[in-house]
Amino acid sequence: MTSENDLKYTAEHEWLDADGSVATVGITAYAANQLGDIVYVDLPAVGAAVEAGTTIGEIESTKSVGDLYAPVTGTVVEVNEAVASAPETVNSDPLGDGWLVKIEFTELPALLGFDEYKALTA
């Protein structure tokens, strides 16, 4: 996985790692910590069309339910099935094995860099 300094971020606490035209998306460690123990993850289906800024799933913890937002517009090409059976992976490794979806996109919108995201969560 790319270092957190090289990732892009949204104000809704998603991270994005773009490799060509495919973006791997997950939630940040900050978001995982705020949610607490994650017990359920609802992800979109492969092939689903998603629009940047819209809700594409839910992350349920012992404390609350949070929305997962699409940071890019495109098509879901892969979902992390492992987090469906082991949602706690999102807590233990949010920037690695806890990734959530991969989205094929045509245009990368303006997103936050690491320093901008850190300032947002300070």
Protein backbone atom coordinates (compact mmCIF):
# COMPACT_ATOMS: atom_id res chain seq x y z
CA MET A 1 0.00 0.00 0.00
CA THR A 2 1.08 3.52 -0.71
CA SER A 3 2.17 5.65 2.24
CA GLU A 4 -0.51 7.91 3.75
CA ASN A 5 1.50 10.91 2.48
CA ASP A 6 0.87 9.79 -1.11
CA LEU A 7 -2.87 9.17 -0.76
CA LYS A 8 -5.64 11.64 -1.53
CA TYR A 9 -8.43 12.35 0.97
CA THR A 10 -11.99 13.66 1.17
CA ALA A 11 -13.49 15.87 3.86
CA GLU A 12 -15.82 12.90 4.58
CA HIS A 13 -12.77 10.84 5.71
CA GLU A 14 -12.27 8.55 2.75
CA TRP A 15 -8.81 7.93 1.32
CA LEU A 16 -8.09 7.20 -2.32
CA ASP A 17 -5.10 5.60 -4.02
CA ALA A 18 -5.30 6.08 -7.79
CA ASP A 19 -3.44 3.61 -10.00
CA GLY A 20 -4.08 4.61 -13.59
CA SER A 21 -7.85 4.79 -13.99
CA VAL A 22 -8.70 2.66 -10.93
CA ALA A 23 -9.01 4.13 -7.45
CA THR A 24 -8.76 1.99 -4.33
CA VAL A 25 -10.96 3.57 -1.64
CA GLY A 26 -11.22 3.11 2.11
CA ILE A 27 -11.83 5.13 5.25
CA THR A 28 -9.05 6.85 7.14
CA ALA A 29 -7.62 5.72 10.45
CA TYR A 30 -9.15 8.86 11.96
CA ALA A 31 -12.62 7.81 10.76
CA ALA A 32 -12.13 4.23 11.95
CA ASN A 33 -11.09 5.49 15.39
CA GLN A 34 -14.08 7.85 15.56
CA LEU A 35 -16.50 5.05 14.64
CA GLY A 36 -15.10 2.62 17.20
CA ASP A 37 -15.36 -1.14 16.77
CA ILE A 38 -16.69 -1.77 13.25
CA VAL A 39 -19.12 -4.69 13.19
CA TYR A 40 -20.71 -4.51 9.70
CA VAL A 41 -19.83 -3.09 6.29
CA ASP A 42 -22.37 -2.65 3.47
CA LEU A 43 -20.65 -2.12 0.11
CA PRO A 44 -22.01 -1.49 -3.40
CA ALA A 45 -22.19 -4.30 -5.95
CA VAL A 46 -19.49 -4.78 -8.58
CA GLY A 47 -20.71 -3.02 -11.71
CA ALA A 48 -22.59 -0.33 -9.79
CA ALA A 49 -22.33 3.19 -11.21
CA VAL A 50 -21.31 5.69 -8.52
CA GLU A 51 -21.18 9.46 -8.46
CA ALA A 52 -18.59 11.48 -6.54
CA GLY A 53 -19.98 12.78 -3.26
CA THR A 54 -22.88 10.33 -3.05
CA THR A 55 -23.38 7.59 -0.48
CA ILE A 56 -22.32 4.17 -1.78
CA GLY A 57 -22.36 2.13 1.42
CA GLU A 58 -22.53 2.06 5.20
CA ILE A 59 -20.10 1.26 7.95
CA GLU A 60 -21.72 0.18 11.20
CA SER A 61 -19.92 0.21 14.53
CA THR A 62 -20.90 -0.48 18.11
CA LYS A 63 -21.34 3.32 18.48
CA SER A 64 -22.97 4.49 15.25
CA VAL A 65 -23.53 4.05 11.51
CA GLY A 66 -21.43 6.05 9.07
CA ASP A 67 -21.91 6.56 5.36
CA LEU A 68 -19.28 5.62 2.80
CA TYR A 69 -19.05 8.25 0.06
CA ALA A 70 -17.66 7.84 -3.45
CA PRO A 71 -14.67 10.16 -3.91
CA VAL A 72 -14.86 9.73 -7.71
CA THR A 73 -17.51 9.14 -10.36
CA GLY A 74 -17.25 5.82 -12.12
CA THR A 75 -17.98 2.10 -11.91
CA VAL A 76 -17.27 -0.24 -9.01
CA VAL A 77 -14.87 -2.88 -10.36
CA GLU A 78 -14.06 -4.71 -7.11
CA VAL A 79 -15.24 -4.85 -3.51
CA ASN A 80 -13.22 -6.16 -0.58
CA GLU A 81 -15.21 -9.29 0.31
CA ALA A 82 -12.82 -9.97 3.21
CA VAL A 83 -14.16 -6.99 5.18
CA ALA A 84 -17.72 -8.32 4.86
CA SER A 85 -16.75 -11.39 6.89
CA ALA A 86 -14.16 -9.59 9.05
CA PRO A 87 -15.27 -5.92 9.34
CA GLU A 88 -12.82 -5.35 12.22
CA THR A 89 -10.08 -5.33 9.55
CA VAL A 90 -11.16 -1.76 8.77
CA ASN A 91 -10.15 -0.82 12.34
CA SER A 92 -6.91 -2.78 12.45
CA ASP A 93 -5.60 -1.90 8.96
CA PRO A 94 -7.70 0.91 7.42
CA LEU A 95 -5.02 1.88 4.85
CA GLY A 96 -4.13 -1.70 3.88
CA ASP A 97 -6.23 -4.85 4.11
CA GLY A 98 -9.21 -2.74 5.25
CA TRP A 99 -9.70 -1.10 1.85
CA LEU A 100 -13.35 -1.14 0.76
CA VAL A 101 -13.91 -0.68 -2.99
CA LYS A 102 -12.10 -0.15 -6.26
CA ILE A 103 -13.71 2.29 -8.69
CA GLU A 104 -12.80 2.78 -12.33
CA PHE A 105 -12.98 6.51 -13.06
CA THR A 106 -12.38 8.88 -15.94
CA GLU A 107 -11.60 12.08 -14.04
CA LEU A 108 -9.99 12.61 -10.65
CA PRO A 109 -11.68 15.49 -8.80
CA ALA A 110 -9.83 17.93 -6.57
CA LEU A 111 -9.09 16.09 -3.33
CA LEU A 112 -7.14 16.87 -0.17
CA GLY A 113 -3.47 16.08 0.26
CA PHE A 114 -2.15 14.52 3.48
CA ASP A 115 -1.25 17.84 5.13
CA GLU A 116 -4.65 19.34 4.26
CA TYR A 117 -6.43 16.30 5.66
CA LYS A 118 -4.36 16.37 8.85
CA ALA A 119 -5.26 20.05 9.30
CA LEU A 120 -8.95 19.16 8.86
CA THR A 121 -8.81 16.53 11.59
CA ALA A 122 -6.59 18.46 14.03
